[in-house]
Amino acid sequence: MTTRLLRILLLLLLLAGGTGAVYSWWRLQEDRTDPDRLRLYGNIDVREARIGFNEAGRIDRMLKEEGDRVAEGELVARLEDDLLRSALAAAEARLGAARARLDKLLAGSRPQEIEAARAELERLRALAEDAALKVRRLERLALDRFAPRAELDTARAEARALEAQIRRQEQTLSLLLEGPREEDITAQRAEVARAEAELAAARARLAYSRLESKVAGTVTARLQEPGNVVLAHTPVYAIALDDPVWARVYAPEPYLGRLREGMPARILTDSGGRYEAWIGAISPVAEFTPKFVQTEELRTSLVYRVRVYARNPDGGLRQGMPVTVEIDLAGEVGGRGDGGAGR
């Protein structure tokens, strides 16, 4: 009984092995019977972006966890911004003061200032006339020895002082009538421009306290935590990009002359997924077949690395996934209109 059972098991194993061999031979013949279709095997590669703040500071909030989806432009983290907001308020105040000084220069002298200067000039002229009369009167008295010489000298000094005040007031009135110098206006315009630049920098620094993702994808690593102090450009998240992705495959040297960038292809996954694809890049350098691609007999064959790009709308193509790539060697180059995209 035991011997019969062993014979039955041995027969079943031989049948199974023969069936597998026949199936493998049939698949190999199937691949070889279609000269316009090239089947290659490889793995999926996904680009990864490491994003961080453009400003140094202490992290206030981290809004994403590993595995979370991230949309382009979505807020994912924030820095503490109290000092940045204070710097922004100070920059706004400096700009306001600089603009006010420029407006004052451009407006020139007010009519009231001009009238006040004219009135002061008339008052000084009146005092000067009275001082001149006093001097002439004291000169006659001093000549007849009815007035001391010292009093005459004092009157003459007062008259000269009034003349000097009149000349100074005339210059003041002239400046008020002419308005500010063009050089002063130019210098103040430059001061306003400098204050505007400082305000723009303060606003940019405040904006940099918000980390918004520039890419759409999935968070693969959360590299920091709230409370951590980070320098500018320190990675905070690692994000795997959704689109495009590519399959890294190796084409045998005899097929190199038939492959072109933009040629249509398909990427097949073990779970039954099918993705329309296209050849994006063909390496110009030959290399030996990687050990993980083929059997030992074929590892010494020369091959060329090929990137086959595909859209990944459902996220079904993931980093490192083994896939089968079918390339339509008779297809038109650039038929999809996006050949070579994503390089």
Protein backbone atom coordinates (compact mmCIF):
# COMPACT_ATOMS: atom_id res chain seq x y z
CA MET A 1 0.00 0.00 0.00
CA THR A 2 2.79 2.38 0.89
CA THR A 3 4.69 1.57 -2.30
CA ARG A 4 1.60 2.26 -4.42
CA LEU A 5 1.05 5.60 -2.69
CA LEU A 6 4.66 6.62 -3.33
CA ARG A 7 4.30 5.71 -6.99
CA ILE A 8 1.14 7.83 -7.27
CA LEU A 9 2.84 10.82 -5.64
CA LEU A 10 5.85 10.47 -7.91
CA LEU A 11 3.59 10.35 -10.95
CA LEU A 12 1.78 13.50 -9.83
CA LEU A 13 5.06 15.34 -9.32
CA LEU A 14 6.24 14.35 -12.78
CA LEU A 15 2.98 15.52 -14.30
CA ALA A 16 3.19 18.85 -12.45
CA GLY A 17 6.77 19.41 -13.52
CA GLY A 18 5.95 18.57 -17.08
CA THR A 19 2.98 20.89 -17.08
CA GLY A 20 5.13 23.74 -15.72
CA ALA A 21 7.79 23.11 -18.32
CA VAL A 22 5.20 23.07 -21.10
CA TYR A 23 3.66 26.32 -19.80
CA SER A 24 7.06 28.01 -19.58
CA TRP A 25 7.92 26.84 -23.09
CA TRP A 26 4.54 28.11 -24.36
CA ARG A 27 5.03 31.54 -22.75
CA LEU A 28 8.53 31.75 -24.18
CA GLN A 29 7.26 30.85 -27.64
CA GLU A 30 4.41 33.33 -27.25
CA ASP A 31 6.91 36.10 -26.51
CA ARG A 32 9.05 35.09 -29.45
CA THR A 33 6.23 34.74 -31.94
CA ASP A 34 5.36 38.46 -31.84
CA PRO A 35 8.38 40.32 -33.25
CA ASP A 36 6.74 43.72 -32.67
CA ARG A 37 6.32 43.26 -28.93
CA LEU A 38 9.17 43.36 -26.43
CA ARG A 39 8.51 42.16 -22.90
CA LEU A 40 10.88 43.37 -20.18
CA TYR A 41 10.92 42.99 -16.41
CA GLY A 42 11.93 45.53 -13.82
CA ASN A 43 10.86 47.62 -10.84
CA ILE A 44 9.02 50.87 -10.24
CA ASP A 45 10.95 53.97 -9.23
CA VAL A 46 9.28 56.96 -7.59
CA ARG A 47 10.78 60.41 -7.17
CA GLU A 48 11.03 61.63 -3.59
CA ALA A 49 11.06 65.26 -2.47
CA ARG A 50 12.48 66.40 0.86
CA ILE A 51 10.83 69.67 1.82
CA GLY A 52 11.79 72.15 4.54
CA PHE A 53 11.38 75.74 5.69
CA ASN A 54 13.22 78.63 4.03
CA GLU A 55 13.51 80.25 7.46
CA ALA A 56 15.16 79.08 10.68
CA GLY A 57 13.03 78.80 13.78
CA ARG A 58 11.16 76.60 16.24
CA ILE A 59 8.48 74.31 14.80
CA ASP A 60 5.02 75.16 16.10
CA ARG A 61 2.87 72.55 14.33
CA MET A 62 3.35 69.44 12.18
CA LEU A 63 0.15 68.72 10.27
CA LYS A 64 0.95 65.45 8.48
CA GLU A 65 1.81 61.91 9.51
CA GLU A 66 3.60 59.19 7.59
CA GLY A 67 1.29 57.73 4.96
CA ASP A 68 -0.86 60.88 4.69
CA ARG A 69 -1.70 62.27 1.28
CA VAL A 70 -0.39 65.74 0.44
CA ALA A 71 -1.80 68.02 -2.27
CA GLU A 72 0.30 70.58 -4.12
CA GLY A 73 0.24 73.87 -2.21
CA GLU A 74 -1.14 72.28 0.98
CA LEU A 75 0.04 73.60 4.35
CA VAL A 76 1.98 70.84 6.15
CA ALA A 77 3.88 72.60 8.98
CA ARG A 78 4.33 75.97 10.69
CA LEU A 79 7.03 77.80 12.65
CA GLU A 80 6.49 80.04 15.66
CA ASP A 81 6.03 83.49 14.11
CA ASP A 82 5.73 86.03 16.97
CA LEU A 83 9.11 87.66 16.28
CA LEU A 84 8.49 87.61 12.54
CA ARG A 85 5.17 89.43 12.97
CA SER A 86 6.84 92.06 15.16
CA ALA A 87 9.54 92.57 12.54
CA LEU A 88 6.85 92.98 9.91
CA ALA A 89 5.04 95.64 11.99
CA ALA A 90 8.33 97.55 12.48
CA ALA A 91 9.05 97.44 8.74
CA GLU A 92 5.58 98.78 7.96
CA ALA A 93 6.09 101.65 10.42
CA ARG A 94 9.47 102.59 8.89
CA LEU A 95 7.96 102.62 5.43
CA GLY A 96 5.10 104.85 6.60
CA ALA A 97 7.52 107.37 8.10
CA ALA A 98 9.71 107.40 4.97
CA ARG A 99 6.70 108.01 2.73
CA ALA A 100 5.48 110.80 4.97
CA ARG A 101 8.85 112.58 4.71
CA LEU A 102 8.80 112.20 0.94
CA ASP A 103 5.26 113.59 0.72
CA LYS A 104 6.37 116.57 2.79
CA LEU A 105 9.24 117.28 0.41
CA LEU A 106 7.06 116.90 -2.67
CA ALA A 107 4.36 119.18 -1.25
CA GLY A 108 6.87 122.00 -0.69
CA SER A 109 6.28 124.94 1.66
CA ARG A 110 2.80 125.65 2.94
CA PRO A 111 1.29 129.08 2.18
CA GLN A 112 1.06 129.84 5.88
CA GLU A 113 4.83 129.30 6.28
CA ILE A 114 5.55 131.65 3.39
CA GLU A 115 3.25 134.35 4.79
CA ALA A 116 4.81 134.00 8.23
CA ALA A 117 8.30 134.42 6.75
CA ARG A 118 7.22 137.52 4.86
CA ALA A 119 5.68 139.02 7.99
CA GLU A 120 8.85 138.37 9.96
CA LEU A 121 10.88 140.02 7.21
CA GLU A 122 8.67 143.11 7.31
CA ARG A 123 8.97 143.29 11.10
CA LEU A 124 12.76 143.15 10.91
CA ARG A 125 12.83 145.82 8.23
CA ALA A 126 10.69 148.06 10.43
CA LEU A 127 13.02 147.54 13.35
CA ALA A 128 15.99 148.27 11.09
CA GLU A 129 14.46 151.59 9.99
CA ASP A 130 13.84 152.56 13.61
CA ALA A 131 17.41 151.57 14.48
CA ALA A 132 18.77 153.68 11.61
CA LEU A 133 16.80 156.71 12.81
CA LYS A 134 18.11 156.17 16.33
CA VAL A 135 21.68 156.01 15.06
CA ARG A 136 21.32 159.25 13.08
CA ARG A 137 19.77 161.02 16.07
CA LEU A 138 22.52 159.84 18.43
CA GLU A 139 25.15 160.90 15.90
CA ARG A 140 23.88 164.51 16.00
CA LEU A 141 23.66 164.45 19.79
CA ALA A 142 27.10 162.94 20.13
CA LEU A 143 28.47 165.57 17.79
CA ASP A 144 27.12 168.30 20.13
CA ARG A 145 28.30 166.26 23.13
CA PHE A 146 24.77 165.75 24.40
CA ALA A 147 24.94 161.90 24.11
CA PRO A 148 27.68 159.55 25.26
CA ARG A 149 29.78 157.83 22.62
CA ALA A 150 29.04 154.41 24.07
CA GLU A 151 25.31 154.81 23.50
CA LEU A 152 25.97 155.63 19.84
CA ASP A 153 28.15 152.53 19.42
CA THR A 154 25.42 150.37 20.94
CA ALA A 155 22.82 151.76 18.54
CA ARG A 156 25.08 151.15 15.56
CA ALA A 157 25.66 147.51 16.67
CA GLU A 158 21.92 146.95 17.02
CA ALA A 159 21.37 148.33 13.53
CA ARG A 160 24.01 145.99 12.05
CA ALA A 161 22.46 143.04 13.86
CA LEU A 162 19.07 143.82 12.42
CA GLU A 163 20.54 144.07 8.93
CA ALA A 164 22.06 140.59 9.36
CA GLN A 165 18.71 139.22 10.56
CA ILE A 166 17.02 140.76 7.52
CA ARG A 167 19.48 139.06 5.16
CA ARG A 168 18.96 135.73 6.90
CA GLN A 169 15.19 136.08 6.77
CA GLU A 170 15.35 136.96 3.08
CA GLN A 171 17.24 133.69 2.47
CA THR A 172 14.68 131.78 4.49
CA LEU A 173 11.84 133.26 2.45
CA SER A 174 13.69 132.46 -0.78
CA LEU A 175 14.12 128.81 0.26
CA LEU A 176 10.43 128.55 1.15
CA LEU A 177 9.47 129.95 -2.24
CA GLU A 178 11.82 127.61 -4.15
CA GLY A 179 10.82 124.48 -2.22
CA PRO A 180 13.02 121.46 -1.36
CA ARG A 181 16.15 120.61 -3.34
CA GLU A 182 15.89 117.93 -6.00
CA GLU A 183 18.77 116.07 -4.35
CA ASP A 184 16.82 115.84 -1.09
CA ILE A 185 13.79 114.44 -2.93
CA THR A 186 15.97 111.88 -4.71
CA ALA A 187 17.58 110.81 -1.45
CA GLN A 188 14.19 110.45 0.22
CA ARG A 189 12.87 108.40 -2.71
CA ALA A 190 15.79 106.05 -2.17
CA GLU A 191 14.93 105.85 1.52
CA VAL A 192 11.35 104.90 0.64
CA ALA A 193 12.62 102.21 -1.76
CA ARG A 194 14.86 100.79 0.96
CA ALA A 195 11.95 100.70 3.41
CA GLU A 196 9.78 98.96 0.81
CA ALA A 197 12.48 96.32 0.28
CA GLU A 198 12.73 95.75 4.03
CA LEU A 199 8.96 95.35 4.22
CA ALA A 200 8.95 92.86 1.34
CA ALA A 201 11.70 90.86 3.07
CA ALA A 202 9.75 90.86 6.35
CA ARG A 203 6.63 89.64 4.58
CA ALA A 204 8.61 86.90 2.82
CA ARG A 205 10.14 85.74 6.10
CA LEU A 206 6.68 85.57 7.67
CA ALA A 207 5.42 83.59 4.67
CA TYR A 208 8.40 81.25 5.03
CA SER A 209 7.15 80.31 8.49
CA ARG A 210 4.42 78.35 6.69
CA LEU A 211 5.63 75.21 4.93
CA GLU A 212 3.47 74.47 1.89
CA SER A 213 4.23 71.43 -0.22
CA LYS A 214 5.32 72.16 -3.78
CA VAL A 215 4.46 68.61 -4.85
CA ALA A 216 1.58 66.16 -4.59
CA GLY A 217 2.30 62.76 -3.11
CA THR A 218 2.44 60.62 0.00
CA VAL A 219 4.44 61.34 3.15
CA THR A 220 7.06 58.61 3.51
CA ALA A 221 8.96 60.10 6.47
CA ARG A 222 8.18 62.72 9.13
CA LEU A 223 11.66 63.98 9.98
CA GLN A 224 10.92 66.62 12.66
CA GLU A 225 8.53 67.18 15.58
CA PRO A 226 6.88 70.28 17.16
CA GLY A 227 9.32 72.12 19.40
CA ASN A 228 12.38 71.22 17.37
CA VAL A 229 14.60 74.12 16.32
CA VAL A 230 15.52 73.79 12.66
CA LEU A 231 17.83 75.69 10.36
CA ALA A 232 16.70 76.98 6.99
CA HIS A 233 16.36 74.24 4.35
CA THR A 234 16.49 71.42 6.92
CA PRO A 235 14.27 68.58 5.62
CA VAL A 236 11.01 68.26 7.54
CA TYR A 237 9.11 65.74 5.42
CA ALA A 238 10.01 63.21 2.73
CA ILE A 239 7.25 62.95 0.12
CA ALA A 240 7.00 60.33 -2.61
CA LEU A 241 5.66 61.93 -5.77
CA ASP A 242 2.56 60.48 -7.40
CA ASP A 243 3.13 61.45 -10.97
CA PRO A 244 4.97 60.63 -13.04
CA VAL A 245 6.51 57.32 -12.01
CA TRP A 246 8.66 55.07 -14.14
CA ALA A 247 9.66 51.46 -14.49
CA ARG A 248 13.38 50.74 -14.55
CA VAL A 249 13.96 47.96 -17.07
CA TYR A 250 16.88 46.71 -19.17
CA ALA A 251 16.64 46.17 -22.93
CA PRO A 252 18.87 43.63 -24.70
CA GLU A 253 21.39 45.09 -27.09
CA PRO A 254 19.78 43.54 -30.26
CA TYR A 255 16.59 45.54 -29.61
CA LEU A 256 18.36 48.86 -29.08
CA GLY A 257 17.98 49.91 -32.71
CA ARG A 258 14.20 49.53 -32.53
CA LEU A 259 13.63 51.50 -29.35
CA ARG A 260 12.86 55.23 -29.48
CA GLU A 261 11.96 57.76 -26.83
CA GLY A 262 8.20 58.35 -26.83
CA MET A 263 7.40 54.82 -28.05
CA PRO A 264 4.13 53.52 -26.49
CA ALA A 265 4.25 50.78 -23.85
CA ARG A 266 2.22 49.15 -21.09
CA ILE A 267 3.13 48.45 -17.48
CA LEU A 268 1.56 45.32 -15.96
CA THR A 269 1.53 44.55 -12.24
CA ASP A 270 1.22 41.18 -10.54
CA SER A 271 -2.15 42.28 -9.12
CA GLY A 272 -3.60 42.77 -12.61
CA GLY A 273 -3.08 46.50 -12.98
CA ARG A 274 -2.51 47.89 -16.47
CA TYR A 275 -1.05 51.33 -17.06
CA GLU A 276 -0.51 53.06 -20.37
CA ALA A 277 3.10 54.16 -20.59
CA TRP A 278 5.81 55.43 -22.90
CA ILE A 279 9.57 55.25 -23.16
CA GLY A 280 11.05 58.32 -21.56
CA ALA A 281 14.79 57.74 -21.61
CA ILE A 282 17.27 55.20 -22.97
CA SER A 283 20.73 55.02 -21.44
CA PRO A 284 23.58 55.64 -23.91
CA VAL A 285 25.88 53.41 -21.85
CA ALA A 286 25.81 49.62 -22.00
CA GLU A 287 26.05 47.56 -18.82
CA PHE A 288 25.82 43.95 -17.74
CA THR A 289 22.40 42.63 -16.82
CA PRO A 290 21.81 43.19 -13.06
CA LYS A 291 21.72 39.98 -11.04
CA PHE A 292 18.17 40.54 -9.85
CA VAL A 293 16.77 40.68 -13.40
CA GLN A 294 17.68 37.42 -15.13
CA THR A 295 19.15 33.98 -14.59
CA GLU A 296 22.85 33.32 -14.14
CA GLU A 297 23.19 32.42 -17.83
CA LEU A 298 22.00 35.84 -18.90
CA ARG A 299 23.78 37.98 -16.34
CA THR A 300 26.76 38.52 -18.62
CA SER A 301 24.61 39.90 -21.46
CA LEU A 302 24.99 43.56 -22.40
CA VAL A 303 21.82 45.58 -21.85
CA TYR A 304 20.76 49.24 -21.82
CA ARG A 305 18.78 50.80 -19.03
CA VAL A 306 15.39 52.12 -20.12
CA ARG A 307 12.97 54.32 -18.21
CA VAL A 308 9.35 53.67 -19.08
CA TYR A 309 7.13 56.44 -17.72
CA ALA A 310 3.48 56.10 -16.76
CA ARG A 311 0.77 58.16 -15.17
CA ASN A 312 -0.24 56.88 -11.74
CA PRO A 313 -3.69 58.36 -11.00
CA ASP A 314 -4.77 55.62 -8.58
CA GLY A 315 -1.43 55.32 -6.78
CA GLY A 316 -1.21 51.65 -7.75
CA LEU A 317 2.43 51.88 -8.83
CA ARG A 318 4.63 51.99 -5.75
CA GLN A 319 8.33 52.26 -5.08
CA GLY A 320 10.19 48.99 -5.75
CA MET A 321 7.17 47.13 -7.12
CA PRO A 322 8.13 44.40 -9.64
CA VAL A 323 6.38 44.93 -12.97
CA THR A 324 6.27 43.65 -16.51
CA VAL A 325 6.70 46.15 -19.33
CA GLU A 326 5.38 45.46 -22.81
CA ILE A 327 6.74 47.75 -25.51
CA ASP A 328 4.98 48.08 -28.85
CA LEU A 329 7.92 48.16 -31.24
CA ALA A 330 5.61 49.02 -34.14
CA GLY A 331 3.96 51.94 -32.33
CA GLU A 332 4.38 55.53 -33.44
CA VAL A 333 6.87 57.57 -31.50
CA GLY A 334 5.22 60.33 -29.51
CA GLY A 335 1.75 59.03 -30.18
CA ARG A 336 0.69 59.98 -26.64
CA GLY A 337 1.97 63.51 -27.09
CA ASP A 338 4.03 63.30 -23.89
CA GLY A 339 6.98 61.18 -24.86
CA GLY A 340 9.99 61.85 -22.71
CA ALA A 341 7.98 63.69 -20.10
CA GLY A 342 9.21 63.71 -16.57
CA ARG A 343 12.90 63.41 -17.23
